[in-house]
Amino acid sequence: MNVYFEPELLQKVDELAARRSLSKSLIIEAAVASFLSPDAEDRREAAFTRRLDRLTRQNEQLERHVGILSEALALFVRFWLTVTPPMPDSEQEPARKTGAERYRAFVEALGRRVAKGHNLLHEVAVDTARRTVQSAPPVADGEDSSR
């Protein structure tokens, strides 16, 4: 039987054969047998299911992070609107200039944090865990800490 393989695929078969010290014929025969086996579809379905489960978990984590960030922004805006008095007209133009400068500084600082890989959600989790550990009462020797 003569079979044609794309050069890239044949290169992969050559590399696998060299790595495993097997013949190319044996590798191709095993691949065809696996493809034709009755449980091949079940294995593919299981692989898809695992991938979909992983994607679902990642999506749920993203939804949670977006929800936390939305709540944080909403709390900040509510607080800021509550404590910031209206500004007289005579002070608005200088305030706009100062605001533009502060905004540029904010964007630069944000860019540096993102470039370094800093993550607010991680910092919040670490701070919360640290406070929980610090506020926990000490456990005496021999005392059950599961209570």
C-alpha atoms as a PDB file:
ATOM      1  CA  MET A   1       0.000   0.000   0.000  1.00  0.00           C
ATOM      2  CA  ASN A   2       1.347   3.407  -0.891  1.00  0.00           C
ATOM      3  CA  VAL A   3       0.179   6.321   1.208  1.00  0.00           C
ATOM      4  CA  TYR A   4       1.067  10.000   0.876  1.00  0.00           C
ATOM      5  CA  PHE A   5       1.667  12.149   3.967  1.00  0.00           C
ATOM      6  CA  GLU A   6       2.147  15.878   4.101  1.00  0.00           C
ATOM      7  CA  PRO A   7       5.853  16.639   4.705  1.00  0.00           C
ATOM      8  CA  GLU A   8       5.123  18.242   8.109  1.00  0.00           C
ATOM      9  CA  LEU A   9       3.224  15.166   9.292  1.00  0.00           C
ATOM     10  CA  LEU A  10       5.909  12.810   8.012  1.00  0.00           C
ATOM     11  CA  GLN A  11       8.531  14.886   9.850  1.00  0.00           C
ATOM     12  CA  LYS A  12       6.575  14.468  13.091  1.00  0.00           C
ATOM     13  CA  VAL A  13       6.361  10.710  12.527  1.00  0.00           C
ATOM     14  CA  ASP A  14      10.137  10.610  11.863  1.00  0.00           C
ATOM     15  CA  GLU A  15      10.838  12.540  15.079  1.00  0.00           C
ATOM     16  CA  LEU A  16       8.553  10.292  17.153  1.00  0.00           C
ATOM     17  CA  ALA A  17      10.102   7.165  15.680  1.00  0.00           C
ATOM     18  CA  ALA A  18      13.607   8.444  16.527  1.00  0.00           C
ATOM     19  CA  ARG A  19      12.611   9.461  20.087  1.00  0.00           C
ATOM     20  CA  ARG A  20      10.950   6.137  20.873  1.00  0.00           C
ATOM     21  CA  SER A  21      13.286   3.927  18.846  1.00  0.00           C
ATOM     22  CA  LEU A  22      10.344   2.505  16.890  1.00  0.00           C
ATOM     23  CA  SER A  23       9.731   2.008  13.203  1.00  0.00           C
ATOM     24  CA  LYS A  24       7.617   4.524  11.318  1.00  0.00           C
ATOM     25  CA  SER A  25       5.370   1.659  10.155  1.00  0.00           C
ATOM     26  CA  LEU A  26       4.638   0.669  13.750  1.00  0.00           C
ATOM     27  CA  ILE A  27       3.731   4.234  14.705  1.00  0.00           C
ATOM     28  CA  ILE A  28       1.450   4.691  11.693  1.00  0.00           C
ATOM     29  CA  GLU A  29      -0.181   1.290  12.268  1.00  0.00           C
ATOM     30  CA  ALA A  30      -0.870   2.194  15.921  1.00  0.00           C
ATOM     31  CA  ALA A  31      -2.320   5.568  14.882  1.00  0.00           C
ATOM     32  CA  VAL A  32      -4.659   3.990  12.304  1.00  0.00           C
ATOM     33  CA  ALA A  33      -5.728   1.293  14.786  1.00  0.00           C
ATOM     34  CA  SER A  34      -6.447   3.915  17.399  1.00  0.00           C
ATOM     35  CA  PHE A  35      -8.465   5.959  14.902  1.00  0.00           C
ATOM     36  CA  LEU A  36     -10.519   2.926  13.863  1.00  0.00           C
ATOM     37  CA  SER A  37     -11.036   1.489  17.351  1.00  0.00           C
ATOM     38  CA  PRO A  38     -14.613   1.565  18.672  1.00  0.00           C
ATOM     39  CA  ASP A  39     -13.618   3.547  21.784  1.00  0.00           C
ATOM     40  CA  ALA A  40     -11.775   6.264  19.816  1.00  0.00           C
ATOM     41  CA  GLU A  41     -14.933   8.378  19.721  1.00  0.00           C
ATOM     42  CA  ASP A  42     -15.362   7.989  23.490  1.00  0.00           C
ATOM     43  CA  ARG A  43     -11.779   9.136  24.087  1.00  0.00           C
ATOM     44  CA  ARG A  44     -12.235  12.157  21.830  1.00  0.00           C
ATOM     45  CA  GLU A  45     -15.466  13.006  23.608  1.00  0.00           C
ATOM     46  CA  ALA A  46     -13.746  12.698  27.000  1.00  0.00           C
ATOM     47  CA  ALA A  47     -10.951  14.979  25.812  1.00  0.00           C
ATOM     48  CA  PHE A  48     -13.488  17.555  24.583  1.00  0.00           C
ATOM     49  CA  THR A  49     -15.369  17.299  27.861  1.00  0.00           C
ATOM     50  CA  ARG A  50     -12.180  17.947  29.863  1.00  0.00           C
ATOM     51  CA  ARG A  51     -11.363  20.959  27.707  1.00  0.00           C
ATOM     52  CA  LEU A  52     -14.891  22.325  27.987  1.00  0.00           C
ATOM     53  CA  ASP A  53     -14.821  21.857  31.769  1.00  0.00           C
ATOM     54  CA  ARG A  54     -11.525  23.743  31.964  1.00  0.00           C
ATOM     55  CA  LEU A  55     -12.899  26.559  29.785  1.00  0.00           C
ATOM     56  CA  THR A  56     -16.040  26.709  31.929  1.00  0.00           C
ATOM     57  CA  ARG A  57     -13.966  27.056  35.114  1.00  0.00           C
ATOM     58  CA  GLN A  58     -11.829  29.770  33.519  1.00  0.00           C
ATOM     59  CA  ASN A  59     -14.955  31.613  32.348  1.00  0.00           C
ATOM     60  CA  GLU A  60     -16.485  31.417  35.830  1.00  0.00           C
ATOM     61  CA  GLN A  61     -13.261  32.805  37.313  1.00  0.00           C
ATOM     62  CA  LEU A  62     -13.298  35.671  34.804  1.00  0.00           C
ATOM     63  CA  GLU A  63     -16.929  36.439  35.648  1.00  0.00           C
ATOM     64  CA  ARG A  64     -16.030  36.504  39.351  1.00  0.00           C
ATOM     65  CA  HIS A  65     -13.068  38.828  38.754  1.00  0.00           C
ATOM     66  CA  VAL A  66     -15.131  41.196  36.601  1.00  0.00           C
ATOM     67  CA  GLY A  67     -17.841  41.231  39.283  1.00  0.00           C
ATOM     68  CA  ILE A  68     -15.321  42.063  42.013  1.00  0.00           C
ATOM     69  CA  LEU A  69     -13.750  44.813  39.926  1.00  0.00           C
ATOM     70  CA  SER A  70     -17.174  46.252  39.072  1.00  0.00           C
ATOM     71  CA  GLU A  71     -18.160  46.341  42.740  1.00  0.00           C
ATOM     72  CA  ALA A  72     -14.841  47.954  43.689  1.00  0.00           C
ATOM     73  CA  LEU A  73     -15.306  50.650  41.057  1.00  0.00           C
ATOM     74  CA  ALA A  74     -18.917  51.236  42.106  1.00  0.00           C
ATOM     75  CA  LEU A  75     -17.909  51.600  45.766  1.00  0.00           C
ATOM     76  CA  PHE A  76     -15.144  54.032  44.853  1.00  0.00           C
ATOM     77  CA  VAL A  77     -17.427  56.165  42.663  1.00  0.00           C
ATOM     78  CA  ARG A  78     -20.156  56.207  45.326  1.00  0.00           C
ATOM     79  CA  PHE A  79     -17.632  57.241  47.984  1.00  0.00           C
ATOM     80  CA  TRP A  80     -16.050  59.874  45.750  1.00  0.00           C
ATOM     81  CA  LEU A  81     -19.421  61.392  44.804  1.00  0.00           C
ATOM     82  CA  THR A  82     -20.452  61.434  48.471  1.00  0.00           C
ATOM     83  CA  VAL A  83     -17.373  63.221  49.827  1.00  0.00           C
ATOM     84  CA  THR A  84     -16.485  65.556  46.933  1.00  0.00           C
ATOM     85  CA  PRO A  85     -18.250  68.912  47.108  1.00  0.00           C
ATOM     86  CA  PRO A  86     -19.211  70.776  43.923  1.00  0.00           C
ATOM     87  CA  MET A  87     -16.483  73.098  42.664  1.00  0.00           C
ATOM     88  CA  PRO A  88     -17.048  76.831  42.046  1.00  0.00           C
ATOM     89  CA  ASP A  89     -16.895  77.892  38.387  1.00  0.00           C
ATOM     90  CA  SER A  90     -13.757  79.973  38.990  1.00  0.00           C
ATOM     91  CA  GLU A  91     -11.790  76.879  40.069  1.00  0.00           C
ATOM     92  CA  GLN A  92     -12.933  74.480  37.340  1.00  0.00           C
ATOM     93  CA  GLU A  93     -10.328  75.298  34.653  1.00  0.00           C
ATOM     94  CA  PRO A  94      -7.300  74.909  36.981  1.00  0.00           C
ATOM     95  CA  ALA A  95      -8.900  71.731  38.334  1.00  0.00           C
ATOM     96  CA  ARG A  96      -9.251  70.320  34.787  1.00  0.00           C
ATOM     97  CA  LYS A  97      -5.543  70.917  34.145  1.00  0.00           C
ATOM     98  CA  THR A  98      -4.593  69.300  37.442  1.00  0.00           C
ATOM     99  CA  GLY A  99      -6.971  66.416  36.700  1.00  0.00           C
ATOM    100  CA  ALA A 100      -5.410  65.868  33.261  1.00  0.00           C
ATOM    101  CA  GLU A 101      -1.919  65.744  34.822  1.00  0.00           C
ATOM    102  CA  ARG A 102      -3.062  63.380  37.557  1.00  0.00           C
ATOM    103  CA  TYR A 103      -4.789  61.178  34.982  1.00  0.00           C
ATOM    104  CA  ARG A 104      -1.594  60.922  32.894  1.00  0.00           C
ATOM    105  CA  ALA A 105       0.326  59.960  36.058  1.00  0.00           C
ATOM    106  CA  PHE A 106      -2.348  57.363  36.864  1.00  0.00           C
ATOM    107  CA  VAL A 107      -2.147  55.817  33.380  1.00  0.00           C
ATOM    108  CA  GLU A 108       1.655  55.667  33.597  1.00  0.00           C
ATOM    109  CA  ALA A 109       1.509  54.011  37.034  1.00  0.00           C
ATOM    110  CA  LEU A 110      -1.105  51.557  35.758  1.00  0.00           C
ATOM    111  CA  GLY A 111       1.093  50.729  32.774  1.00  0.00           C
ATOM    112  CA  ARG A 112       4.048  50.021  35.083  1.00  0.00           C
ATOM    113  CA  ARG A 113       1.910  47.740  37.306  1.00  0.00           C
ATOM    114  CA  VAL A 114       0.559  45.817  34.330  1.00  0.00           C
ATOM    115  CA  ALA A 115       4.058  45.481  32.837  1.00  0.00           C
ATOM    116  CA  LYS A 116       5.334  44.058  36.146  1.00  0.00           C
ATOM    117  CA  GLY A 117       2.404  41.627  36.327  1.00  0.00           C
ATOM    118  CA  HIS A 118       0.852  43.108  39.476  1.00  0.00           C
ATOM    119  CA  ASN A 119      -2.750  42.088  40.060  1.00  0.00           C
ATOM    120  CA  LEU A 120      -5.190  43.886  42.381  1.00  0.00           C
ATOM    121  CA  LEU A 121      -7.323  40.787  42.931  1.00  0.00           C
ATOM    122  CA  HIS A 122      -4.263  38.814  44.041  1.00  0.00           C
ATOM    123  CA  GLU A 123      -3.228  41.639  46.398  1.00  0.00           C
ATOM    124  CA  VAL A 124      -6.724  41.716  47.923  1.00  0.00           C
ATOM    125  CA  ALA A 125      -6.659  37.949  48.463  1.00  0.00           C
ATOM    126  CA  VAL A 126      -3.189  38.102  50.063  1.00  0.00           C
ATOM    127  CA  ASP A 127      -4.189  41.025  52.327  1.00  0.00           C
ATOM    128  CA  THR A 128      -7.382  39.251  53.380  1.00  0.00           C
ATOM    129  CA  ALA A 129      -5.513  36.038  54.153  1.00  0.00           C
ATOM    130  CA  ARG A 130      -2.875  37.977  56.113  1.00  0.00           C
ATOM    131  CA  ARG A 131      -5.538  39.758  58.195  1.00  0.00           C
ATOM    132  CA  THR A 132      -7.348  36.471  58.838  1.00  0.00           C
ATOM    133  CA  VAL A 133      -4.155  34.841  60.097  1.00  0.00           C
ATOM    134  CA  GLN A 134      -3.276  37.864  62.246  1.00  0.00           C
ATOM    135  CA  SER A 135      -6.729  38.060  63.825  1.00  0.00           C
ATOM    136  CA  ALA A 136      -6.974  34.318  64.582  1.00  0.00           C
ATOM    137  CA  PRO A 137      -6.476  33.521  68.267  1.00  0.00           C
ATOM    138  CA  PRO A 138      -3.341  31.496  69.028  1.00  0.00           C
ATOM    139  CA  VAL A 139      -3.831  27.761  69.460  1.00  0.00           C
ATOM    140  CA  ALA A 140      -2.473  26.287  72.694  1.00  0.00           C
ATOM    141  CA  ASP A 141      -0.461  23.064  72.609  1.00  0.00           C
ATOM    142  CA  GLY A 142      -2.734  20.030  72.562  1.00  0.00           C
ATOM    143  CA  GLU A 143      -5.801  22.153  71.722  1.00  0.00           C
ATOM    144  CA  ASP A 144      -7.945  21.131  68.757  1.00  0.00           C
ATOM    145  CA  SER A 145      -7.504  23.815  66.058  1.00  0.00           C
ATOM    146  CA  SER A 146     -10.470  22.563  63.995  1.00  0.00           C
ATOM    147  CA  ARG A 147     -13.022  24.201  66.287  1.00  0.00           C
END
